[in-house]
Amino acid sequence: MLSQDLVDHVRRMTWLLTDGDFEALVLWCALASRNGGQTTADGPVQAAQPARPTPLKDLVAATGVPRETARRKLERLASQGKVDRLADGWVVHLQRLDPSLRPVIGESARLIHEAVAAARAALKLE
């Protein structure tokens, strides 16, 4: 069972990052994780290496969002300056992230880590 804190936090992130569009949040998070971004308790930090573009087909496979839906949502995120479309795929630039969102994303990392640890302990995997 997911913590209610985590559920509430995901709902808040959905509104803060993607104006309430959960599928767009899923796509943004998939891109951020693939672009080599790291997240600490203080929020995301810039990757040591430039972001590697992720092809649309890889995002569709990773997220389960239908191809045309994913393309439209990524185009909208690009028009908002939250992602970029390059010749060979899509990227998130963490340095462009609104500084007020950094603690929110850091809190996400903490809550997810706690939820995974609790699930593993419940399943006696640790």
C-alpha atoms as a PDB file:
ATOM      1  CA  MET A   1       0.000   0.000   0.000  1.00  0.00           C
ATOM      2  CA  LEU A   2       1.351   3.399  -0.920  1.00  0.00           C
ATOM      3  CA  SER A   3       1.667   5.985   1.771  1.00  0.00           C
ATOM      4  CA  GLN A   4      -1.064   8.633   1.685  1.00  0.00           C
ATOM      5  CA  ASP A   5       1.748  11.207   1.931  1.00  0.00           C
ATOM      6  CA  LEU A   6       3.219   9.882  -1.313  1.00  0.00           C
ATOM      7  CA  VAL A   7      -0.150   9.894  -3.066  1.00  0.00           C
ATOM      8  CA  ASP A   8      -0.838  13.465  -1.937  1.00  0.00           C
ATOM      9  CA  HIS A   9       2.636  14.505  -3.000  1.00  0.00           C
ATOM     10  CA  VAL A  10       2.271  13.009  -6.482  1.00  0.00           C
ATOM     11  CA  ARG A  11      -1.029  14.835  -6.852  1.00  0.00           C
ATOM     12  CA  ARG A  12       0.682  18.113  -5.865  1.00  0.00           C
ATOM     13  CA  MET A  13       3.574  17.510  -8.290  1.00  0.00           C
ATOM     14  CA  THR A  14       1.103  16.785 -11.073  1.00  0.00           C
ATOM     15  CA  TRP A  15      -0.412  20.239 -10.652  1.00  0.00           C
ATOM     16  CA  LEU A  16       2.895  22.059 -10.083  1.00  0.00           C
ATOM     17  CA  LEU A  17       4.807  20.539 -13.006  1.00  0.00           C
ATOM     18  CA  THR A  18       2.137  19.693 -15.574  1.00  0.00           C
ATOM     19  CA  ASP A  19      -1.026  21.631 -14.719  1.00  0.00           C
ATOM     20  CA  GLY A  20      -2.821  18.489 -13.558  1.00  0.00           C
ATOM     21  CA  ASP A  21      -1.842  16.200 -16.436  1.00  0.00           C
ATOM     22  CA  PHE A  22      -0.710  12.942 -14.803  1.00  0.00           C
ATOM     23  CA  GLU A  23       0.431  11.312 -18.068  1.00  0.00           C
ATOM     24  CA  ALA A  24       2.573  14.379 -18.816  1.00  0.00           C
ATOM     25  CA  LEU A  25       4.098  14.056 -15.333  1.00  0.00           C
ATOM     26  CA  VAL A  26       4.881  10.383 -15.973  1.00  0.00           C
ATOM     27  CA  LEU A  27       6.587  11.328 -19.258  1.00  0.00           C
ATOM     28  CA  TRP A  28       8.515  14.194 -17.638  1.00  0.00           C
ATOM     29  CA  CYS A  29       9.716  11.915 -14.820  1.00  0.00           C
ATOM     30  CA  ALA A  30      10.744   9.189 -17.276  1.00  0.00           C
ATOM     31  CA  LEU A  31      12.751  11.735 -19.243  1.00  0.00           C
ATOM     32  CA  ALA A  32      14.339  13.217 -16.125  1.00  0.00           C
ATOM     33  CA  SER A  33      15.450   9.798 -14.913  1.00  0.00           C
ATOM     34  CA  ARG A  34      16.836   8.840 -18.333  1.00  0.00           C
ATOM     35  CA  ASN A  35      18.635  12.148 -18.786  1.00  0.00           C
ATOM     36  CA  GLY A  36      20.969  11.287 -15.949  1.00  0.00           C
ATOM     37  CA  GLY A  37      19.513  13.692 -13.423  1.00  0.00           C
ATOM     38  CA  GLN A  38      20.081  12.888  -9.791  1.00  0.00           C
ATOM     39  CA  THR A  39      17.742  13.906  -7.008  1.00  0.00           C
ATOM     40  CA  THR A  40      18.769  14.709  -3.466  1.00  0.00           C
ATOM     41  CA  ALA A  41      16.731  15.838  -0.465  1.00  0.00           C
ATOM     42  CA  ASP A  42      17.299  19.403  -1.719  1.00  0.00           C
ATOM     43  CA  GLY A  43      15.929  18.621  -5.175  1.00  0.00           C
ATOM     44  CA  PRO A  44      17.343  17.687  -8.573  1.00  0.00           C
ATOM     45  CA  VAL A  45      20.975  18.378  -9.355  1.00  0.00           C
ATOM     46  CA  GLN A  46      22.509  18.966 -12.745  1.00  0.00           C
ATOM     47  CA  ALA A  47      23.905  15.846 -14.354  1.00  0.00           C
ATOM     48  CA  ALA A  48      27.662  15.696 -14.804  1.00  0.00           C
ATOM     49  CA  GLN A  49      27.231  14.883 -18.495  1.00  0.00           C
ATOM     50  CA  PRO A  50      24.928  16.434 -21.066  1.00  0.00           C
ATOM     51  CA  ALA A  51      21.497  14.868 -21.293  1.00  0.00           C
ATOM     52  CA  ARG A  52      21.125  12.026 -23.776  1.00  0.00           C
ATOM     53  CA  PRO A  53      17.960  12.329 -25.831  1.00  0.00           C
ATOM     54  CA  THR A  54      15.354   9.617 -25.344  1.00  0.00           C
ATOM     55  CA  PRO A  55      13.458   8.519 -28.461  1.00  0.00           C
ATOM     56  CA  LEU A  56       9.676   8.673 -28.330  1.00  0.00           C
ATOM     57  CA  LYS A  57       9.405   4.891 -28.822  1.00  0.00           C
ATOM     58  CA  ASP A  58      11.497   4.319 -25.674  1.00  0.00           C
ATOM     59  CA  LEU A  59       9.285   6.663 -23.641  1.00  0.00           C
ATOM     60  CA  VAL A  60       6.169   4.903 -24.914  1.00  0.00           C
ATOM     61  CA  ALA A  61       7.630   1.517 -23.963  1.00  0.00           C
ATOM     62  CA  ALA A  62       8.734   2.723 -20.523  1.00  0.00           C
ATOM     63  CA  THR A  63       5.537   4.537 -19.563  1.00  0.00           C
ATOM     64  CA  GLY A  64       2.722   2.767 -21.381  1.00  0.00           C
ATOM     65  CA  VAL A  65       1.402   6.117 -22.623  1.00  0.00           C
ATOM     66  CA  PRO A  66       0.113   5.655 -26.191  1.00  0.00           C
ATOM     67  CA  ARG A  67       2.474   7.003 -28.864  1.00  0.00           C
ATOM     68  CA  GLU A  68       0.302   9.815 -30.211  1.00  0.00           C
ATOM     69  CA  THR A  69      -0.756  10.866 -26.712  1.00  0.00           C
ATOM     70  CA  ALA A  70       2.881  10.920 -25.591  1.00  0.00           C
ATOM     71  CA  ARG A  71       3.904  12.962 -28.639  1.00  0.00           C
ATOM     72  CA  ARG A  72       1.168  15.550 -28.025  1.00  0.00           C
ATOM     73  CA  LYS A  73       1.970  15.832 -24.322  1.00  0.00           C
ATOM     74  CA  LEU A  74       5.703  16.166 -24.986  1.00  0.00           C
ATOM     75  CA  GLU A  75       5.019  18.867 -27.575  1.00  0.00           C
ATOM     76  CA  ARG A  76       2.972  20.755 -24.993  1.00  0.00           C
ATOM     77  CA  LEU A  77       5.716  20.365 -22.378  1.00  0.00           C
ATOM     78  CA  ALA A  78       8.186  21.660 -24.986  1.00  0.00           C
ATOM     79  CA  SER A  79       6.021  24.724 -25.654  1.00  0.00           C
ATOM     80  CA  GLN A  80       6.135  25.398 -21.886  1.00  0.00           C
ATOM     81  CA  GLY A  81       9.944  25.096 -21.866  1.00  0.00           C
ATOM     82  CA  LYS A  82       9.941  21.985 -19.662  1.00  0.00           C
ATOM     83  CA  VAL A  83      11.440  19.606 -22.250  1.00  0.00           C
ATOM     84  CA  ASP A  84      13.267  19.939 -25.554  1.00  0.00           C
ATOM     85  CA  ARG A  85      12.863  17.957 -28.733  1.00  0.00           C
ATOM     86  CA  LEU A  86      16.148  17.180 -30.429  1.00  0.00           C
ATOM     87  CA  ALA A  87      16.800  15.368 -33.691  1.00  0.00           C
ATOM     88  CA  ASP A  88      17.215  12.006 -31.929  1.00  0.00           C
ATOM     89  CA  GLY A  89      14.778  12.318 -29.032  1.00  0.00           C
ATOM     90  CA  TRP A  90      13.578  14.291 -26.032  1.00  0.00           C
ATOM     91  CA  VAL A  91      15.432  15.775 -23.047  1.00  0.00           C
ATOM     92  CA  VAL A  92      14.688  17.527 -19.761  1.00  0.00           C
ATOM     93  CA  HIS A  93      17.048  20.302 -18.691  1.00  0.00           C
ATOM     94  CA  LEU A  94      17.032  20.369 -14.911  1.00  0.00           C
ATOM     95  CA  GLN A  95      18.785  23.751 -14.807  1.00  0.00           C
ATOM     96  CA  ARG A  96      15.621  25.293 -16.333  1.00  0.00           C
ATOM     97  CA  LEU A  97      13.435  23.918 -13.574  1.00  0.00           C
ATOM     98  CA  ASP A  98      11.738  26.593 -11.492  1.00  0.00           C
ATOM     99  CA  PRO A  99      13.869  26.798  -8.322  1.00  0.00           C
ATOM    100  CA  SER A 100      10.728  26.667  -6.171  1.00  0.00           C
ATOM    101  CA  LEU A 101      10.088  23.116  -7.480  1.00  0.00           C
ATOM    102  CA  ARG A 102      13.471  21.741  -6.395  1.00  0.00           C
ATOM    103  CA  PRO A 103      12.403  20.975  -2.804  1.00  0.00           C
ATOM    104  CA  VAL A 104       9.168  19.403  -4.060  1.00  0.00           C
ATOM    105  CA  ILE A 105      11.092  17.018  -6.314  1.00  0.00           C
ATOM    106  CA  GLY A 106      13.544  16.275  -3.509  1.00  0.00           C
ATOM    107  CA  GLU A 107      10.600  15.405  -1.271  1.00  0.00           C
ATOM    108  CA  SER A 108       9.363  13.061  -3.996  1.00  0.00           C
ATOM    109  CA  ALA A 109      12.651  11.197  -3.965  1.00  0.00           C
ATOM    110  CA  ARG A 110      12.504  10.848  -0.179  1.00  0.00           C
ATOM    111  CA  LEU A 111       8.884   9.635  -0.131  1.00  0.00           C
ATOM    112  CA  ILE A 112       9.466   7.151  -2.934  1.00  0.00           C
ATOM    113  CA  HIS A 113      12.575   5.801  -1.205  1.00  0.00           C
ATOM    114  CA  GLU A 114      10.599   5.341   2.034  1.00  0.00           C
ATOM    115  CA  ALA A 115       7.708   3.633   0.207  1.00  0.00           C
ATOM    116  CA  VAL A 116      10.070   1.219  -1.553  1.00  0.00           C
ATOM    117  CA  ALA A 117      11.885   0.440   1.701  1.00  0.00           C
ATOM    118  CA  ALA A 118       8.568  -0.244   3.449  1.00  0.00           C
ATOM    119  CA  ALA A 119       7.358  -2.469   0.612  1.00  0.00           C
ATOM    120  CA  ARG A 120      10.616  -4.432   0.589  1.00  0.00           C
ATOM    121  CA  ALA A 121      10.477  -4.888   4.359  1.00  0.00           C
ATOM    122  CA  ALA A 122       6.856  -6.035   4.129  1.00  0.00           C
ATOM    123  CA  LEU A 123       7.827  -8.547   1.474  1.00  0.00           C
ATOM    124  CA  LYS A 124      10.914  -9.516   3.463  1.00  0.00           C
ATOM    125  CA  LEU A 125      13.192  -8.750   0.525  1.00  0.00           C
ATOM    126  CA  GLU A 126      15.786  -6.936   2.596  1.00  0.00           C
END
